[in-house]
Amino acid sequence: MVDPAVEDKIMAAEPQLIEEKQSVSGRRHLFGRRKPLHAALGSGKTADILLWRQKQMSGAILVSATVIWLLFERIGYHLLPFLCHFLILTLAILFLWSNLSSFINKSPPKFPDIRLSQEMCDCIALLLKDQINEGCLYLREMTTGRDIKRFLTVIFTLWVVSVIGGWFEFLTLVYILFVVLLTAPLLYERNENLVDAYGEKAGNEIMEVLQKLPLPFLKNNKQH
């Protein structure tokens, strides 16, 4: 009889083994991905959560997001009162715990001494600076017409987001995107062959339609 713990490890490792075999086979993946899905997502804790390798953590995050969405959108709770009430409850519990610890025979809570070092602040500032510079460079290259494909992709994405945003409230839209982010990678991993096949077919059909349009940059690409 197989140990349940060993069986769980085998089941958790099976999707990654399948991804590695598919990557070696050289099959074309969605969005031009060459690495296995777990590696493309960073191969860390974030990838484990998105792919539900840590089911308890992923489930807790999904349930917490759902509760927050229900509080704000369905019950009518507002963000500022929620934060204030949460802080009031937290401070009251810590205050009572610290002052009544001798009566309940428990040690008072130990608060960590958190201080940001100058080195950490410098690293954060450099990281933000690099990200902002890359974003500005991305916008400049897109607006100068050097990458028409990227320009059309961004315009189409913004248009789709604007259309979808007109159907829902902002918080509801954020919640839907969060649920999609937390479920789409898992569904894609389980149906990778089918999604890649349909994605490649849709991409080829879109390119055939674009080739028929009187766009000069497409004609130049076709000649080359």
C-alpha atoms as a PDB file:
ATOM      1  CA  MET A   1       0.000   0.000   0.000  1.00  0.00           C
ATOM      2  CA  VAL A   2       1.355   3.415  -1.051  1.00  0.00           C
ATOM      3  CA  ASP A   3       1.913   6.009   1.643  1.00  0.00           C
ATOM      4  CA  PRO A   4      -0.630   8.881   1.227  1.00  0.00           C
ATOM      5  CA  ALA A   5       2.113  11.491   1.694  1.00  0.00           C
ATOM      6  CA  VAL A   6       4.213   9.916  -1.058  1.00  0.00           C
ATOM      7  CA  GLU A   7       1.162   9.709  -3.304  1.00  0.00           C
ATOM      8  CA  ASP A   8       0.443  13.405  -2.791  1.00  0.00           C
ATOM      9  CA  LYS A   9       4.024  14.292  -3.706  1.00  0.00           C
ATOM     10  CA  ILE A  10       3.796  12.200  -6.874  1.00  0.00           C
ATOM     11  CA  MET A  11       0.524  13.879  -7.877  1.00  0.00           C
ATOM     12  CA  ALA A  12       1.975  17.328  -7.201  1.00  0.00           C
ATOM     13  CA  ALA A  13       5.083  16.607  -9.277  1.00  0.00           C
ATOM     14  CA  GLU A  14       3.218  15.002 -12.187  1.00  0.00           C
ATOM     15  CA  PRO A  15       2.100  18.281 -13.865  1.00  0.00           C
ATOM     16  CA  GLN A  16       5.637  19.651 -13.756  1.00  0.00           C
ATOM     17  CA  LEU A  17       6.991  16.473 -15.367  1.00  0.00           C
ATOM     18  CA  ILE A  18       4.406  16.752 -18.116  1.00  0.00           C
ATOM     19  CA  GLU A  19       5.394  20.382 -18.713  1.00  0.00           C
ATOM     20  CA  GLU A  20       9.068  19.449 -18.988  1.00  0.00           C
ATOM     21  CA  LYS A  21       8.312  16.745 -21.548  1.00  0.00           C
ATOM     22  CA  GLN A  22       6.199  19.157 -23.601  1.00  0.00           C
ATOM     23  CA  SER A  23       8.916  21.797 -23.448  1.00  0.00           C
ATOM     24  CA  VAL A  24      11.513  19.326 -24.686  1.00  0.00           C
ATOM     25  CA  SER A  25       9.266  18.291 -27.569  1.00  0.00           C
ATOM     26  CA  GLY A  26       9.479  21.833 -28.966  1.00  0.00           C
ATOM     27  CA  ARG A  27       5.729  22.294 -29.362  1.00  0.00           C
ATOM     28  CA  ARG A  28       4.598  25.890 -29.768  1.00  0.00           C
ATOM     29  CA  HIS A  29       2.991  27.221 -26.591  1.00  0.00           C
ATOM     30  CA  LEU A  30       0.572  30.077 -26.025  1.00  0.00           C
ATOM     31  CA  PHE A  31       2.111  33.583 -26.036  1.00  0.00           C
ATOM     32  CA  GLY A  32       5.383  32.129 -27.354  1.00  0.00           C
ATOM     33  CA  ARG A  33       6.186  30.501 -24.031  1.00  0.00           C
ATOM     34  CA  ARG A  34       9.185  28.161 -24.127  1.00  0.00           C
ATOM     35  CA  LYS A  35       9.595  27.308 -20.463  1.00  0.00           C
ATOM     36  CA  PRO A  36       7.284  25.051 -18.446  1.00  0.00           C
ATOM     37  CA  LEU A  37       4.327  26.932 -17.000  1.00  0.00           C
ATOM     38  CA  HIS A  38       5.582  26.667 -13.422  1.00  0.00           C
ATOM     39  CA  ALA A  39       8.980  28.063 -14.465  1.00  0.00           C
ATOM     40  CA  ALA A  40       7.351  30.818 -16.550  1.00  0.00           C
ATOM     41  CA  LEU A  41       5.459  31.965 -13.451  1.00  0.00           C
ATOM     42  CA  GLY A  42       8.684  32.229 -11.443  1.00  0.00           C
ATOM     43  CA  SER A  43       9.070  28.727  -9.962  1.00  0.00           C
ATOM     44  CA  GLY A  44       8.471  30.144  -6.494  1.00  0.00           C
ATOM     45  CA  LYS A  45       5.721  30.407  -3.932  1.00  0.00           C
ATOM     46  CA  THR A  46       3.664  32.644  -6.216  1.00  0.00           C
ATOM     47  CA  ALA A  47       3.701  29.997  -8.928  1.00  0.00           C
ATOM     48  CA  ASP A  48       2.704  27.335  -6.388  1.00  0.00           C
ATOM     49  CA  ILE A  49      -0.262  29.465  -5.296  1.00  0.00           C
ATOM     50  CA  LEU A  50      -1.406  30.277  -8.845  1.00  0.00           C
ATOM     51  CA  LEU A  51      -1.176  26.617  -9.873  1.00  0.00           C
ATOM     52  CA  TRP A  52      -2.775  25.430  -6.612  1.00  0.00           C
ATOM     53  CA  ARG A  53       0.263  23.385  -5.576  1.00  0.00           C
ATOM     54  CA  GLN A  54      -0.468  24.748  -2.079  1.00  0.00           C
ATOM     55  CA  LYS A  55      -4.216  24.204  -1.995  1.00  0.00           C
ATOM     56  CA  GLN A  56      -4.804  25.530   1.510  1.00  0.00           C
ATOM     57  CA  MET A  57      -3.010  28.810   0.796  1.00  0.00           C
ATOM     58  CA  SER A  58      -4.706  29.281  -2.589  1.00  0.00           C
ATOM     59  CA  GLY A  59      -8.122  28.458  -1.148  1.00  0.00           C
ATOM     60  CA  ALA A  60      -7.623  30.835   1.789  1.00  0.00           C
ATOM     61  CA  ILE A  61      -6.671  33.684  -0.557  1.00  0.00           C
ATOM     62  CA  LEU A  62      -9.685  33.035  -2.777  1.00  0.00           C
ATOM     63  CA  VAL A  63     -12.066  32.864   0.199  1.00  0.00           C
ATOM     64  CA  SER A  64     -10.600  36.064   1.715  1.00  0.00           C
ATOM     65  CA  ALA A  65     -10.993  37.945  -1.560  1.00  0.00           C
ATOM     66  CA  THR A  66     -14.576  36.709  -1.865  1.00  0.00           C
ATOM     67  CA  VAL A  67     -15.426  37.806   1.692  1.00  0.00           C
ATOM     68  CA  ILE A  68     -13.953  41.272   1.093  1.00  0.00           C
ATOM     69  CA  TRP A  69     -15.888  41.611  -2.174  1.00  0.00           C
ATOM     70  CA  LEU A  70     -19.126  40.575  -0.461  1.00  0.00           C
ATOM     71  CA  LEU A  71     -18.548  43.065   2.363  1.00  0.00           C
ATOM     72  CA  PHE A  72     -17.926  46.011   0.056  1.00  0.00           C
ATOM     73  CA  GLU A  73     -20.215  45.275  -2.892  1.00  0.00           C
ATOM     74  CA  ARG A  74     -23.126  43.296  -1.507  1.00  0.00           C
ATOM     75  CA  ILE A  75     -23.409  44.364   2.129  1.00  0.00           C
ATOM     76  CA  GLY A  76     -22.473  47.970   1.373  1.00  0.00           C
ATOM     77  CA  TYR A  77     -19.478  48.217   3.721  1.00  0.00           C
ATOM     78  CA  HIS A  78     -17.002  50.980   2.887  1.00  0.00           C
ATOM     79  CA  LEU A  79     -13.234  50.745   2.803  1.00  0.00           C
ATOM     80  CA  LEU A  80     -12.377  53.501   5.301  1.00  0.00           C
ATOM     81  CA  PRO A  81     -14.766  52.289   8.059  1.00  0.00           C
ATOM     82  CA  PHE A  82     -13.561  48.739   7.456  1.00  0.00           C
ATOM     83  CA  LEU A  83      -9.919  49.725   7.978  1.00  0.00           C
ATOM     84  CA  CYS A  84     -10.769  51.798  11.059  1.00  0.00           C
ATOM     85  CA  HIS A  85     -12.868  49.044  12.634  1.00  0.00           C
ATOM     86  CA  PHE A  86     -10.192  46.465  11.880  1.00  0.00           C
ATOM     87  CA  LEU A  87      -7.502  48.624  13.504  1.00  0.00           C
ATOM     88  CA  ILE A  88      -9.764  49.336  16.510  1.00  0.00           C
ATOM     89  CA  LEU A  89     -10.409  45.628  17.026  1.00  0.00           C
ATOM     90  CA  THR A  90      -6.721  44.737  16.616  1.00  0.00           C
ATOM     91  CA  LEU A  91      -5.507  47.448  18.982  1.00  0.00           C
ATOM     92  CA  ALA A  92      -8.161  46.571  21.579  1.00  0.00           C
ATOM     93  CA  ILE A  93      -7.168  42.888  21.527  1.00  0.00           C
ATOM     94  CA  LEU A  94      -3.463  43.717  21.858  1.00  0.00           C
ATOM     95  CA  PHE A  95      -4.144  46.244  24.633  1.00  0.00           C
ATOM     96  CA  LEU A  96      -6.227  43.808  26.658  1.00  0.00           C
ATOM     97  CA  TRP A  97      -3.762  40.999  26.049  1.00  0.00           C
ATOM     98  CA  SER A  98      -0.843  43.122  27.265  1.00  0.00           C
ATOM     99  CA  ASN A  99      -2.644  44.308  30.418  1.00  0.00           C
ATOM    100  CA  LEU A 100      -4.446  41.079  31.332  1.00  0.00           C
ATOM    101  CA  SER A 101      -1.605  38.689  30.559  1.00  0.00           C
ATOM    102  CA  SER A 102      -0.797  38.270  34.264  1.00  0.00           C
ATOM    103  CA  PHE A 103      -4.387  37.250  35.035  1.00  0.00           C
ATOM    104  CA  ILE A 104      -4.728  34.712  32.233  1.00  0.00           C
ATOM    105  CA  ASN A 105      -1.270  33.188  32.838  1.00  0.00           C
ATOM    106  CA  LYS A 106      -0.026  34.001  29.360  1.00  0.00           C
ATOM    107  CA  SER A 107       2.980  36.011  28.296  1.00  0.00           C
ATOM    108  CA  PRO A 108       2.263  39.415  26.719  1.00  0.00           C
ATOM    109  CA  PRO A 109       2.637  39.712  22.949  1.00  0.00           C
ATOM    110  CA  LYS A 110       6.128  40.420  21.687  1.00  0.00           C
ATOM    111  CA  PHE A 111       6.173  43.040  18.983  1.00  0.00           C
ATOM    112  CA  PRO A 112       9.050  42.788  16.511  1.00  0.00           C
ATOM    113  CA  ASP A 113      11.345  45.776  16.206  1.00  0.00           C
ATOM    114  CA  ILE A 114      10.849  46.568  12.521  1.00  0.00           C
ATOM    115  CA  ARG A 115      13.129  49.213  11.085  1.00  0.00           C
ATOM    116  CA  LEU A 116      13.876  49.806   7.435  1.00  0.00           C
ATOM    117  CA  SER A 117      17.579  50.043   6.747  1.00  0.00           C
ATOM    118  CA  GLN A 118      19.037  52.634   4.420  1.00  0.00           C
ATOM    119  CA  GLU A 119      20.212  49.854   2.117  1.00  0.00           C
ATOM    120  CA  MET A 120      16.696  48.439   1.790  1.00  0.00           C
ATOM    121  CA  CYS A 121      15.244  51.895   1.064  1.00  0.00           C
ATOM    122  CA  ASP A 122      17.906  52.463  -1.583  1.00  0.00           C
ATOM    123  CA  CYS A 123      17.111  49.108  -3.209  1.00  0.00           C
ATOM    124  CA  ILE A 124      13.385  49.905  -3.274  1.00  0.00           C
ATOM    125  CA  ALA A 125      14.070  53.343  -4.762  1.00  0.00           C
ATOM    126  CA  LEU A 126      16.344  51.861  -7.451  1.00  0.00           C
ATOM    127  CA  LEU A 127      13.763  49.194  -8.271  1.00  0.00           C
ATOM    128  CA  LEU A 128      11.005  51.781  -8.630  1.00  0.00           C
ATOM    129  CA  LYS A 129      13.267  53.976 -10.726  1.00  0.00           C
ATOM    130  CA  ASP A 130      14.108  51.105 -13.098  1.00  0.00           C
ATOM    131  CA  GLN A 131      10.450  50.111 -13.442  1.00  0.00           C
ATOM    132  CA  ILE A 132       9.359  53.688 -14.150  1.00  0.00           C
ATOM    133  CA  ASN A 133      12.156  54.142 -16.712  1.00  0.00           C
ATOM    134  CA  GLU A 134      11.214  50.886 -18.447  1.00  0.00           C
ATOM    135  CA  GLY A 135       7.566  51.969 -18.525  1.00  0.00           C
ATOM    136  CA  CYS A 136       8.467  55.343 -20.041  1.00  0.00           C
ATOM    137  CA  LEU A 137      10.696  53.665 -22.625  1.00  0.00           C
ATOM    138  CA  TYR A 138       7.909  51.220 -23.459  1.00  0.00           C
ATOM    139  CA  LEU A 139       5.429  54.062 -24.006  1.00  0.00           C
ATOM    140  CA  ARG A 140       7.906  56.053 -26.088  1.00  0.00           C
ATOM    141  CA  GLU A 141       8.690  53.135 -28.398  1.00  0.00           C
ATOM    142  CA  MET A 142       4.994  52.352 -28.724  1.00  0.00           C
ATOM    143  CA  THR A 143       3.954  55.904 -29.611  1.00  0.00           C
ATOM    144  CA  THR A 144       6.815  56.493 -32.089  1.00  0.00           C
ATOM    145  CA  GLY A 145       5.469  53.753 -34.359  1.00  0.00           C
ATOM    146  CA  ARG A 146       8.504  51.480 -34.189  1.00  0.00           C
ATOM    147  CA  ASP A 147       6.476  48.515 -32.960  1.00  0.00           C
ATOM    148  CA  ILE A 148       3.027  48.613 -34.574  1.00  0.00           C
ATOM    149  CA  LYS A 149       2.128  45.158 -33.304  1.00  0.00           C
ATOM    150  CA  ARG A 150       2.721  46.206 -29.698  1.00  0.00           C
ATOM    151  CA  PHE A 151       0.799  49.433 -30.284  1.00  0.00           C
ATOM    152  CA  LEU A 152      -2.246  47.605 -31.663  1.00  0.00           C
ATOM    153  CA  THR A 153      -2.087  45.070 -28.823  1.00  0.00           C
ATOM    154  CA  VAL A 154      -2.119  47.787 -26.159  1.00  0.00           C
ATOM    155  CA  ILE A 155      -4.925  49.699 -27.892  1.00  0.00           C
ATOM    156  CA  PHE A 156      -7.020  46.556 -28.240  1.00  0.00           C
ATOM    157  CA  THR A 157      -6.404  45.592 -24.603  1.00  0.00           C
ATOM    158  CA  LEU A 158      -7.389  49.040 -23.341  1.00  0.00           C
ATOM    159  CA  TRP A 159     -10.528  48.972 -25.481  1.00  0.00           C
ATOM    160  CA  VAL A 160     -11.534  45.554 -24.124  1.00  0.00           C
ATOM    161  CA  VAL A 161     -10.907  46.705 -20.537  1.00  0.00           C
ATOM    162  CA  SER A 162     -12.977  49.860 -21.128  1.00  0.00           C
ATOM    163  CA  VAL A 163     -15.876  47.819 -22.506  1.00  0.00           C
ATOM    164  CA  ILE A 164     -15.764  45.312 -19.659  1.00  0.00           C
ATOM    165  CA  GLY A 165     -15.329  48.116 -17.120  1.00  0.00           C
ATOM    166  CA  GLY A 166     -18.635  49.609 -18.260  1.00  0.00           C
ATOM    167  CA  TRP A 167     -20.431  46.434 -17.244  1.00  0.00           C
ATOM    168  CA  PHE A 168     -19.200  46.215 -13.633  1.00  0.00           C
ATOM    169  CA  GLU A 169     -18.180  48.386 -10.700  1.00  0.00           C
ATOM    170  CA  PHE A 170     -14.445  48.900 -10.219  1.00  0.00           C
ATOM    171  CA  LEU A 171     -14.166  46.622  -7.177  1.00  0.00           C
ATOM    172  CA  THR A 172     -16.215  43.920  -8.904  1.00  0.00           C
ATOM    173  CA  LEU A 173     -13.938  44.149 -11.937  1.00  0.00           C
ATOM    174  CA  VAL A 174     -10.841  43.856  -9.719  1.00  0.00           C
ATOM    175  CA  TYR A 175     -12.376  40.843  -7.979  1.00  0.00           C
ATOM    176  CA  ILE A 176     -13.166  39.164 -11.323  1.00  0.00           C
ATOM    177  CA  LEU A 177      -9.616  39.757 -12.545  1.00  0.00           C
ATOM    178  CA  PHE A 178      -8.254  38.370  -9.277  1.00  0.00           C
ATOM    179  CA  VAL A 179     -10.384  35.222  -9.577  1.00  0.00           C
ATOM    180  CA  VAL A 180      -9.294  34.791 -13.198  1.00  0.00           C
ATOM    181  CA  LEU A 181      -5.653  35.221 -12.163  1.00  0.00           C
ATOM    182  CA  LEU A 182      -6.075  32.582  -9.470  1.00  0.00           C
ATOM    183  CA  THR A 183      -7.952  30.041 -11.627  1.00  0.00           C
ATOM    184  CA  ALA A 184      -6.854  30.548 -15.252  1.00  0.00           C
ATOM    185  CA  PRO A 185      -3.286  29.178 -14.799  1.00  0.00           C
ATOM    186  CA  LEU A 186      -4.637  25.986 -13.227  1.00  0.00           C
ATOM    187  CA  LEU A 187      -7.245  25.490 -15.967  1.00  0.00           C
ATOM    188  CA  TYR A 188      -4.627  26.205 -18.630  1.00  0.00           C
ATOM    189  CA  GLU A 189      -2.216  23.735 -17.071  1.00  0.00           C
ATOM    190  CA  ARG A 190      -4.847  20.986 -17.124  1.00  0.00           C
ATOM    191  CA  ASN A 191      -5.925  21.737 -20.727  1.00  0.00           C
ATOM    192  CA  GLU A 192      -2.637  23.010 -22.128  1.00  0.00           C
ATOM    193  CA  ASN A 193      -2.652  21.020 -25.371  1.00  0.00           C
ATOM    194  CA  LEU A 194      -6.186  22.087 -26.282  1.00  0.00           C
ATOM    195  CA  VAL A 195      -5.660  25.759 -25.389  1.00  0.00           C
ATOM    196  CA  ASP A 196      -2.358  25.945 -27.299  1.00  0.00           C
ATOM    197  CA  ALA A 197      -3.959  24.392 -30.372  1.00  0.00           C
ATOM    198  CA  TYR A 198      -6.904  26.787 -30.361  1.00  0.00           C
ATOM    199  CA  GLY A 199      -4.650  29.736 -29.563  1.00  0.00           C
ATOM    200  CA  GLU A 200      -2.343  28.986 -32.487  1.00  0.00           C
ATOM    201  CA  LYS A 201      -5.329  28.551 -34.806  1.00  0.00           C
ATOM    202  CA  ALA A 202      -6.880  31.839 -33.657  1.00  0.00           C
ATOM    203  CA  GLY A 203      -3.556  33.644 -34.063  1.00  0.00           C
ATOM    204  CA  ASN A 204      -3.154  32.365 -37.628  1.00  0.00           C
ATOM    205  CA  GLU A 205      -6.683  33.442 -38.525  1.00  0.00           C
ATOM    206  CA  ILE A 206      -6.130  36.914 -37.056  1.00  0.00           C
ATOM    207  CA  MET A 207      -2.904  37.317 -39.029  1.00  0.00           C
ATOM    208  CA  GLU A 208      -4.708  36.249 -42.231  1.00  0.00           C
ATOM    209  CA  VAL A 209      -7.323  38.937 -41.624  1.00  0.00           C
ATOM    210  CA  LEU A 210      -4.670  41.564 -40.873  1.00  0.00           C
ATOM    211  CA  GLN A 211      -2.761  40.672 -44.030  1.00  0.00           C
ATOM    212  CA  LYS A 212      -5.827  41.617 -46.067  1.00  0.00           C
ATOM    213  CA  LEU A 213      -5.955  45.101 -44.544  1.00  0.00           C
ATOM    214  CA  PRO A 214      -4.197  47.952 -46.419  1.00  0.00           C
ATOM    215  CA  LEU A 215      -1.583  48.495 -43.726  1.00  0.00           C
ATOM    216  CA  PRO A 216       1.933  49.352 -45.011  1.00  0.00           C
ATOM    217  CA  PHE A 217       3.846  47.794 -42.118  1.00  0.00           C
ATOM    218  CA  LEU A 218       2.184  44.416 -42.747  1.00  0.00           C
ATOM    219  CA  LYS A 219       3.118  44.540 -46.422  1.00  0.00           C
ATOM    220  CA  ASN A 220       6.739  45.274 -45.559  1.00  0.00           C
ATOM    221  CA  ASN A 221       6.843  42.334 -43.169  1.00  0.00           C
ATOM    222  CA  LYS A 222       5.313  40.086 -45.770  1.00  0.00           C
ATOM    223  CA  GLN A 223       7.922  41.055 -48.377  1.00  0.00           C
ATOM    224  CA  HIS A 224      10.760  40.316 -45.970  1.00  0.00           C
END
